[in-house]
Amino acid sequence: MTEPALIPGDTDLERLVARSRMIGADPTLVVHGGGNTSSKIEESGLTVLRVKGSGTDLATIDPDGFPGLFLEQLLPLRERAAMTDEEMVAYLATCMVEPGSRRPSIETLLHAFLPATHVDHVHADAICALTNTPGGAGHVRAALGPDVAIVPYIRPGFDLSRQVADLSDARAVVLDHPGLVTWGNAHERSYRETVALVARAEAYLVEHTIPAQRTPVPDLPEDEISCVLALVDERLSRQGNRVLSVDRIQRALADRPDVEQVATAARATPDHILRIGAKSVVIRSAAEVIDAIDTFEAVYRAYFDRHRHQLPPEQEMLNPSPRVILVPGLGCIAAGTDERAAKVNAEIAFRSHTVTARALDAFGAVEWLDEADIFAFDYWPLELAKLAPTPVPA
């Protein structure tokens, strides 16, 4: 991640695209649909908030990935005491510059309420490793300084937007678990703050990490790998067609003696739940495949039953099968509905597992969302809408 002298582009929208792609090009900042960016731009005499469309990818985003909303219509919401998700969705739809265009980010009001012209929100690995541990707020203050504000975990939406707006005098804001929010009245200022604060977090992690001496895990034999893959494929296909992707880059994570914690203690950010679920499973041999997946699914069904009273009666349980499997001696097996989805899930899992491992190595423990918060995010309609073919505004 390098700091530019100037964000390229002839217009503010072109520079917003360039800034966003620079962020998206660094997988330690965001990965596959994560994060959001915005600029407040003068268009035909009116100020328009151009904000990342929900579910778009910052690495490849184009100008049409930034729906516009009339800022003058958004700012009065700042005075409201409360607003439900449904009310927010309906209202945002009335503020669109191009009605029927791509739905804006779930965090549109956060971008609108901050007075700065340009706003960036990233799920930086180093920041999440600081927050995903006991005493996370203290680590954030020690790493980033007292002029960076911290907001305890709250799901994105109206309430979070108001809380962040109240902290606009700070240098930046760290959202407990969801990441870092920076801003500035120049494109370069917002991006520069992201670069600088993430670098501070990284240096703090390195300073607190003691390299561990670990006993090497032998390679899983190729015939055993073939058997594991065949059994996983057959077992997961009971819940629908699945394609598998093998990621050997995660071998070092899978070979850790605390691999169970890496798999189950946390995700780097709640956003990762959407694609890879809240937990991974560890399988060490072909003989464990069926029992491990059966147990994983039974645990998920019990979790769903504990919280299903929060959902409308017609809401069905999501696929209870694991989407990510860590295999000592091999690496990671990720499942998806097609080859691309499986590969994306493997890459997201790599980032999540890495953050958890780094938190464990630096601080010896991980602290994340409680089960009720996990379930609320797991079945949040505005998050699930990102996967729908024609999602509603969010």
Protein backbone atom coordinates (compact mmCIF):
# COMPACT_ATOMS: atom_id res chain seq x y z
CA MET A 1 0.00 0.00 0.00
CA THR A 2 1.70 3.18 -1.24
CA GLU A 3 0.68 6.74 -0.68
CA PRO A 4 -0.01 8.69 -3.91
CA ALA A 5 1.10 12.24 -4.54
CA LEU A 6 -2.20 12.76 -6.34
CA ILE A 7 -5.26 10.61 -6.90
CA PRO A 8 -5.65 10.50 -10.72
CA GLY A 9 -8.73 11.61 -12.63
CA ASP A 10 -10.21 14.62 -14.41
CA THR A 11 -13.42 14.73 -12.34
CA ASP A 12 -14.29 14.00 -8.74
CA LEU A 13 -16.20 10.90 -9.80
CA GLU A 14 -13.17 9.62 -11.74
CA ARG A 15 -10.98 10.31 -8.72
CA LEU A 16 -13.47 8.55 -6.43
CA VAL A 17 -13.23 5.49 -8.69
CA ALA A 18 -9.42 5.68 -8.68
CA ARG A 19 -9.26 6.10 -4.89
CA SER A 20 -11.62 3.20 -4.39
CA ARG A 21 -9.67 0.92 -6.71
CA MET A 22 -6.45 1.75 -4.89
CA ILE A 23 -8.07 0.65 -1.64
CA GLY A 24 -9.60 -2.41 -3.27
CA ALA A 25 -6.27 -3.46 -4.76
CA ASP A 26 -4.93 -4.16 -1.25
CA PRO A 27 -6.54 -7.32 0.20
CA THR A 28 -5.31 -6.38 3.68
CA LEU A 29 -7.77 -3.46 3.55
CA VAL A 30 -10.87 -4.97 1.94
CA VAL A 31 -11.72 -8.17 0.11
CA HIS A 32 -14.53 -9.10 -2.33
CA GLY A 33 -17.33 -6.62 -1.77
CA GLY A 34 -16.05 -5.31 1.55
CA GLY A 35 -15.67 -1.69 2.59
CA ASN A 36 -17.27 1.42 1.14
CA THR A 37 -16.19 4.82 -0.16
CA SER A 38 -17.94 8.06 -1.07
CA SER A 39 -17.58 11.63 -2.30
CA LYS A 40 -19.93 14.60 -2.09
CA ILE A 41 -19.94 16.08 -5.60
CA GLU A 42 -21.57 19.16 -7.11
CA GLU A 43 -23.82 18.10 -9.99
CA SER A 44 -26.04 20.62 -11.83
CA GLY A 45 -25.96 23.00 -8.87
CA LEU A 46 -26.85 20.35 -6.26
CA THR A 47 -24.66 18.36 -3.89
CA VAL A 48 -24.87 14.65 -4.65
CA LEU A 49 -23.50 11.90 -2.43
CA ARG A 50 -21.87 9.30 -4.68
CA VAL A 51 -21.48 6.23 -2.50
CA LYS A 52 -20.40 2.68 -3.26
CA GLY A 53 -23.25 0.44 -4.35
CA SER A 54 -24.01 -2.38 -1.93
CA GLY A 55 -22.18 -5.60 -2.83
CA THR A 56 -19.90 -4.03 -5.46
CA ASP A 57 -16.16 -4.71 -5.37
CA LEU A 58 -13.82 -1.77 -4.76
CA ALA A 59 -11.03 -3.48 -6.70
CA THR A 60 -12.96 -3.34 -9.97
CA ILE A 61 -15.63 -0.70 -9.37
CA ASP A 62 -16.63 1.63 -12.22
CA PRO A 63 -18.49 4.97 -12.13
CA ASP A 64 -21.86 3.18 -12.35
CA GLY A 65 -20.95 1.42 -9.10
CA PHE A 66 -21.58 4.71 -7.28
CA PRO A 67 -25.30 5.53 -7.13
CA GLY A 68 -26.08 9.16 -6.36
CA LEU A 69 -28.35 10.51 -3.63
CA PHE A 70 -29.34 14.14 -3.06
CA LEU A 71 -27.46 15.19 0.08
CA GLU A 72 -30.01 17.90 0.91
CA GLN A 73 -32.65 15.20 1.36
CA LEU A 74 -30.40 13.00 3.53
CA LEU A 75 -29.12 15.53 6.05
CA PRO A 76 -32.47 16.21 7.80
CA LEU A 77 -32.45 12.57 8.96
CA ARG A 78 -29.59 13.54 11.26
CA GLU A 79 -32.15 15.15 13.57
CA ARG A 80 -34.27 12.03 13.94
CA ALA A 81 -33.97 10.03 17.15
CA ALA A 82 -34.56 6.64 15.53
CA MET A 83 -35.17 4.96 12.21
CA THR A 84 -35.77 1.30 11.40
CA ASP A 85 -33.95 -0.50 8.60
CA GLU A 86 -37.20 -0.68 6.65
CA GLU A 87 -37.81 3.06 7.02
CA MET A 88 -34.22 3.80 6.01
CA VAL A 89 -34.43 1.64 2.89
CA ALA A 90 -37.70 3.24 1.83
CA TYR A 91 -36.41 6.76 2.41
CA LEU A 92 -33.13 6.24 0.56
CA ALA A 93 -35.10 5.06 -2.46
CA THR A 94 -36.78 8.50 -2.60
CA CYS A 95 -33.43 10.32 -2.60
CA MET A 96 -31.88 8.67 -5.65
CA VAL A 97 -30.55 10.89 -8.42
CA GLU A 98 -31.16 8.10 -10.92
CA PRO A 99 -34.24 6.19 -9.68
CA GLY A 100 -33.88 2.46 -10.13
CA SER A 101 -30.08 2.56 -10.15
CA ARG A 102 -27.89 0.25 -8.07
CA ARG A 103 -28.82 0.27 -4.39
CA PRO A 104 -26.50 2.37 -2.21
CA SER A 105 -24.37 1.00 0.60
CA ILE A 106 -25.96 -0.07 3.87
CA GLU A 107 -23.76 2.64 5.41
CA THR A 108 -24.95 5.47 3.15
CA LEU A 109 -26.08 7.64 6.06
CA LEU A 110 -22.71 7.28 7.80
CA HIS A 111 -21.12 8.81 4.69
CA ALA A 112 -23.82 11.46 4.42
CA PHE A 113 -23.72 12.60 8.04
CA LEU A 114 -19.95 13.06 8.20
CA PRO A 115 -19.27 16.63 7.05
CA ALA A 116 -16.07 15.82 5.14
CA THR A 117 -16.24 15.68 1.35
CA HIS A 118 -14.61 12.25 1.01
CA VAL A 119 -15.08 9.22 3.31
CA ASP A 120 -13.48 5.76 3.27
CA HIS A 121 -14.40 2.71 5.35
CA VAL A 122 -12.07 -0.30 5.29
CA HIS A 123 -11.92 -3.65 7.11
CA ALA A 124 -8.15 -3.52 7.52
CA ASP A 125 -6.64 -6.74 8.87
CA ALA A 126 -4.37 -4.90 11.29
CA ILE A 127 -7.22 -2.81 12.71
CA CYS A 128 -9.50 -5.84 13.12
CA ALA A 129 -6.72 -7.77 14.85
CA LEU A 130 -6.59 -4.98 17.46
CA THR A 131 -10.33 -4.86 18.06
CA ASN A 132 -10.93 -8.65 18.02
CA THR A 133 -9.21 -9.23 21.34
CA PRO A 134 -9.91 -8.54 25.04
CA GLY A 135 -9.12 -4.92 25.82
CA GLY A 136 -9.30 -4.06 22.17
CA ALA A 137 -10.16 -0.40 22.77
CA GLY A 138 -6.99 0.01 24.82
CA HIS A 139 -4.90 -1.52 22.05
CA VAL A 140 -6.50 0.80 19.48
CA ARG A 141 -5.71 3.87 21.61
CA ALA A 142 -2.14 2.72 22.23
CA ALA A 143 -1.57 1.98 18.55
CA LEU A 144 -3.37 4.86 16.86
CA GLY A 145 -3.35 7.65 19.44
CA PRO A 146 -5.99 9.51 21.48
CA ASP A 147 -7.31 11.51 18.52
CA VAL A 148 -8.84 8.39 16.94
CA ALA A 149 -12.31 7.70 18.34
CA ILE A 150 -13.72 4.23 19.03
CA VAL A 151 -17.35 3.13 18.68
CA PRO A 152 -18.40 -0.08 20.49
CA TYR A 153 -19.96 -2.71 18.24
CA ILE A 154 -23.32 -1.84 16.76
CA ARG A 155 -24.72 -3.21 13.52
CA PRO A 156 -24.46 -0.80 10.56
CA GLY A 157 -27.46 1.42 9.98
CA PHE A 158 -29.08 4.59 11.28
CA ASP A 159 -27.88 4.44 14.90
CA LEU A 160 -24.25 3.79 13.94
CA SER A 161 -24.37 6.62 11.40
CA ARG A 162 -25.48 9.10 14.06
CA GLN A 163 -22.84 7.91 16.52
CA VAL A 164 -20.03 8.31 13.99
CA ALA A 165 -21.29 11.76 12.97
CA ASP A 166 -21.03 12.84 16.62
CA LEU A 167 -17.31 12.01 16.45
CA SER A 168 -16.48 14.02 13.32
CA ASP A 169 -14.02 16.21 15.29
CA ALA A 170 -11.78 13.16 15.74
CA ARG A 171 -8.99 12.29 13.34
CA ALA A 172 -10.76 9.05 12.38
CA VAL A 173 -13.07 6.44 13.90
CA VAL A 174 -12.49 2.76 14.60
CA LEU A 175 -15.68 0.70 14.60
CA ASP A 176 -15.34 -2.21 17.01
CA HIS A 177 -14.96 -5.22 14.65
CA PRO A 178 -16.15 -3.61 11.37
CA GLY A 179 -12.96 -1.58 10.85
CA LEU A 180 -11.71 1.95 10.21
CA VAL A 181 -13.45 5.10 8.92
CA THR A 182 -11.35 7.98 7.60
CA TRP A 183 -12.25 11.20 5.85
CA GLY A 184 -10.94 14.44 4.37
CA ASN A 185 -11.81 17.33 2.11
CA ALA A 186 -9.34 16.06 -0.48
CA HIS A 187 -9.24 12.57 -1.96
CA GLU A 188 -5.59 12.28 -0.97
CA ARG A 189 -6.31 13.24 2.66
CA SER A 190 -8.85 10.47 3.19
CA TYR A 191 -6.63 7.85 1.55
CA ARG A 192 -3.52 9.12 3.37
CA GLU A 193 -5.23 8.75 6.74
CA THR A 194 -6.12 5.14 5.93
CA VAL A 195 -2.53 4.37 4.95
CA ALA A 196 -1.03 6.04 8.01
CA LEU A 197 -3.37 4.55 10.61
CA VAL A 198 -3.20 1.03 9.20
CA ALA A 199 0.61 1.30 9.23
CA ARG A 200 0.50 2.28 12.90
CA ALA A 201 -1.74 -0.67 13.71
CA GLU A 202 0.58 -3.01 11.82
CA ALA A 203 3.65 -1.74 13.66
CA TYR A 204 1.88 -2.20 17.01
CA LEU A 205 0.97 -5.79 16.14
CA VAL A 206 4.52 -6.60 15.10
CA GLU A 207 5.85 -5.09 18.32
CA HIS A 208 3.54 -7.26 20.43
CA THR A 209 4.01 -10.51 18.52
CA ILE A 210 6.49 -13.08 19.81
CA PRO A 211 7.46 -15.59 17.08
CA ALA A 212 6.39 -19.08 18.11
CA GLN A 213 8.42 -22.24 17.65
CA ARG A 214 6.04 -24.89 16.32
CA THR A 215 6.50 -28.54 15.51
CA PRO A 216 6.11 -29.08 11.75
CA VAL A 217 3.01 -30.98 10.65
CA PRO A 218 3.73 -33.65 8.01
CA ASP A 219 2.22 -33.33 4.55
CA LEU A 220 -1.12 -35.06 4.16
CA PRO A 221 -0.50 -37.85 1.61
CA GLU A 222 -1.92 -37.19 -1.85
CA ASP A 223 -4.13 -40.28 -1.75
CA GLU A 224 -5.55 -39.10 1.59
CA ILE A 225 -6.16 -35.63 0.13
CA SER A 226 -8.07 -37.18 -2.77
CA CYS A 227 -10.18 -39.20 -0.36
CA VAL A 228 -10.89 -36.16 1.84
CA LEU A 229 -11.97 -34.08 -1.17
CA ALA A 230 -14.21 -36.83 -2.50
CA LEU A 231 -15.93 -37.31 0.84
CA VAL A 232 -16.32 -33.57 1.44
CA ASP A 233 -17.78 -33.12 -2.04
CA GLU A 234 -20.25 -35.96 -1.56
CA ARG A 235 -21.29 -34.85 1.92
CA LEU A 236 -21.73 -31.14 1.15
CA SER A 237 -23.64 -31.91 -2.06
CA ARG A 238 -26.51 -33.24 0.05
CA GLN A 239 -27.38 -29.57 0.68
CA GLY A 240 -27.12 -28.67 -3.01
CA ASN A 241 -24.43 -28.59 -5.68
CA ARG A 242 -21.09 -27.41 -4.37
CA VAL A 243 -17.74 -26.72 -6.02
CA LEU A 244 -14.56 -27.02 -3.94
CA SER A 245 -11.45 -24.84 -4.04
CA VAL A 246 -8.21 -25.94 -2.34
CA ASP A 247 -6.04 -23.16 -0.93
CA ARG A 248 -2.59 -24.44 0.07
CA ILE A 249 -1.52 -20.91 1.05
CA GLN A 250 -3.44 -21.49 4.30
CA ARG A 251 -1.21 -24.45 5.21
CA ALA A 252 0.58 -22.44 7.93
CA LEU A 253 -2.79 -21.55 9.48
CA ALA A 254 -4.10 -25.10 9.30
CA ASP A 255 -0.91 -26.51 10.86
CA ARG A 256 -1.10 -24.34 13.98
CA PRO A 257 -1.63 -26.20 17.28
CA ASP A 258 -4.49 -23.76 18.02
CA VAL A 259 -6.15 -24.35 14.64
CA GLU A 260 -9.52 -24.96 16.33
CA GLN A 261 -9.44 -21.42 17.72
CA VAL A 262 -8.41 -20.02 14.35
CA ALA A 263 -11.38 -21.82 12.79
CA THR A 264 -14.07 -20.98 15.33
CA ALA A 265 -13.12 -18.02 17.53
CA ALA A 266 -13.95 -15.13 15.19
CA ARG A 267 -14.19 -13.70 11.72
CA ALA A 268 -12.08 -10.69 10.89
CA THR A 269 -15.25 -8.62 10.42
CA PRO A 270 -18.95 -9.47 10.60
CA ASP A 271 -19.22 -8.86 6.85
CA HIS A 272 -17.36 -12.13 6.24
CA ILE A 273 -20.28 -14.08 7.73
CA LEU A 274 -22.28 -13.41 4.57
CA ARG A 275 -20.06 -15.57 2.37
CA ILE A 276 -18.17 -17.94 4.67
CA GLY A 277 -20.40 -18.26 7.73
CA ALA A 278 -19.44 -17.54 11.32
CA LYS A 279 -17.20 -20.58 11.81
CA SER A 280 -14.94 -22.98 9.92
CA VAL A 281 -14.46 -26.67 10.68
CA VAL A 282 -11.20 -28.59 11.18
CA ILE A 283 -10.79 -32.02 9.55
CA ARG A 284 -7.54 -33.97 9.90
CA SER A 285 -8.26 -37.09 7.84
CA ALA A 286 -10.77 -38.75 5.56
CA ALA A 287 -12.03 -40.79 8.51
CA GLU A 288 -13.23 -37.56 10.21
CA VAL A 289 -15.09 -35.99 7.28
CA ILE A 290 -18.62 -37.31 7.76
CA ASP A 291 -18.74 -37.00 11.56
CA ALA A 292 -17.17 -33.52 11.50
CA ILE A 293 -19.67 -32.16 8.98
CA ASP A 294 -22.60 -33.91 10.67
CA THR A 295 -21.60 -32.35 13.99
CA PHE A 296 -21.10 -28.92 12.41
CA GLU A 297 -24.59 -29.03 10.89
CA ALA A 298 -26.19 -30.25 14.14
CA VAL A 299 -24.56 -27.37 16.04
CA TYR A 300 -25.79 -24.88 13.41
CA ARG A 301 -29.35 -26.22 13.57
CA ALA A 302 -29.36 -25.88 17.35
CA TYR A 303 -28.06 -22.31 17.02
CA PHE A 304 -30.83 -21.52 14.54
CA ASP A 305 -33.48 -23.02 16.82
CA ARG A 306 -32.25 -20.92 19.76
CA HIS A 307 -32.79 -17.70 17.83
CA ARG A 308 -35.47 -18.41 15.23
CA HIS A 309 -38.06 -16.57 17.36
CA GLN A 310 -36.41 -13.34 16.15
CA LEU A 311 -37.32 -14.12 12.54
CA PRO A 312 -40.59 -14.01 10.61
CA PRO A 313 -42.29 -17.44 10.47
CA GLU A 314 -41.61 -17.81 6.75
CA GLN A 315 -37.83 -17.36 7.14
CA GLU A 316 -36.03 -20.58 6.27
CA MET A 317 -32.75 -21.70 7.80
CA LEU A 318 -29.69 -20.96 5.72
CA ASN A 319 -27.48 -23.81 4.52
CA PRO A 320 -26.12 -25.34 7.76
CA SER A 321 -23.06 -26.91 6.11
CA PRO A 322 -19.56 -25.51 6.57
CA ARG A 323 -18.27 -23.37 3.74
CA VAL A 324 -14.67 -23.45 4.93
CA ILE A 325 -12.61 -26.41 6.15
CA LEU A 326 -9.08 -26.20 7.56
CA VAL A 327 -7.03 -29.36 6.97
CA PRO A 328 -3.67 -29.72 8.77
CA GLY A 329 -1.05 -30.93 6.35
CA LEU A 330 -2.94 -29.41 3.39
CA GLY A 331 -4.42 -25.96 3.96
CA CYS A 332 -8.00 -24.88 3.33
CA ILE A 333 -10.94 -26.33 1.39
CA ALA A 334 -13.61 -23.75 0.53
CA ALA A 335 -17.03 -24.57 -0.93
CA GLY A 336 -19.15 -22.41 -3.20
CA THR A 337 -22.06 -22.63 -5.61
CA ASP A 338 -19.60 -22.36 -8.52
CA GLU A 339 -15.85 -22.21 -9.11
CA ARG A 340 -15.61 -18.45 -8.69
CA ALA A 341 -17.65 -18.44 -5.47
CA ALA A 342 -15.50 -21.20 -4.01
CA LYS A 343 -12.31 -19.28 -4.83
CA VAL A 344 -13.73 -16.06 -3.37
CA ASN A 345 -14.70 -17.91 -0.20
CA ALA A 346 -11.17 -19.29 0.10
CA GLU A 347 -9.68 -15.80 -0.21
CA ILE A 348 -12.07 -14.32 2.35
CA ALA A 349 -11.33 -17.23 4.70
CA PHE A 350 -7.60 -16.55 4.36
CA ARG A 351 -8.07 -12.97 5.50
CA SER A 352 -10.36 -13.95 8.41
CA HIS A 353 -8.17 -16.81 9.62
CA THR A 354 -5.08 -14.59 9.35
CA VAL A 355 -6.62 -11.86 11.50
CA THR A 356 -7.61 -14.36 14.19
CA ALA A 357 -4.16 -15.97 14.14
CA ARG A 358 -2.45 -12.57 14.43
CA ALA A 359 -4.64 -11.57 17.37
CA LEU A 360 -3.78 -14.83 19.11
CA ASP A 361 -0.07 -14.40 18.43
CA ALA A 362 0.00 -10.80 19.66
CA PHE A 363 -2.40 -10.92 22.60
CA GLY A 364 -3.02 -14.59 23.39
CA ALA A 365 -6.80 -14.42 23.10
CA VAL A 366 -9.65 -13.43 20.80
CA GLU A 367 -12.87 -11.65 21.76
CA TRP A 368 -15.65 -11.24 19.22
CA LEU A 369 -19.42 -10.89 18.89
CA ASP A 370 -21.76 -12.81 21.17
CA GLU A 371 -24.06 -15.41 19.62
CA ALA A 372 -27.08 -13.10 19.50
CA ASP A 373 -25.14 -10.49 17.52
CA ILE A 374 -23.78 -13.18 15.18
CA PHE A 375 -27.29 -14.46 14.49
CA ALA A 376 -28.62 -10.93 13.94
CA PHE A 377 -25.96 -10.37 11.30
CA ASP A 378 -26.27 -13.88 9.84
CA TYR A 379 -29.98 -13.33 9.07
CA TRP A 380 -29.97 -9.56 8.49
CA PRO A 381 -32.10 -8.89 5.39
CA LEU A 382 -29.99 -5.93 4.26
CA GLU A 383 -26.86 -8.07 4.30
CA LEU A 384 -28.50 -11.08 2.64
CA ALA A 385 -29.81 -8.77 -0.09
CA LYS A 386 -26.22 -8.42 -1.37
CA LEU A 387 -26.49 -11.98 -2.69
CA ALA A 388 -29.89 -11.52 -4.31
CA PRO A 389 -30.04 -11.14 -8.13
CA THR A 390 -32.07 -7.91 -7.89
CA PRO A 391 -31.65 -6.58 -4.35
CA VAL A 392 -33.68 -3.75 -2.89
CA PRO A 393 -31.96 -0.48 -1.91
CA ALA A 394 -29.96 -0.88 1.30
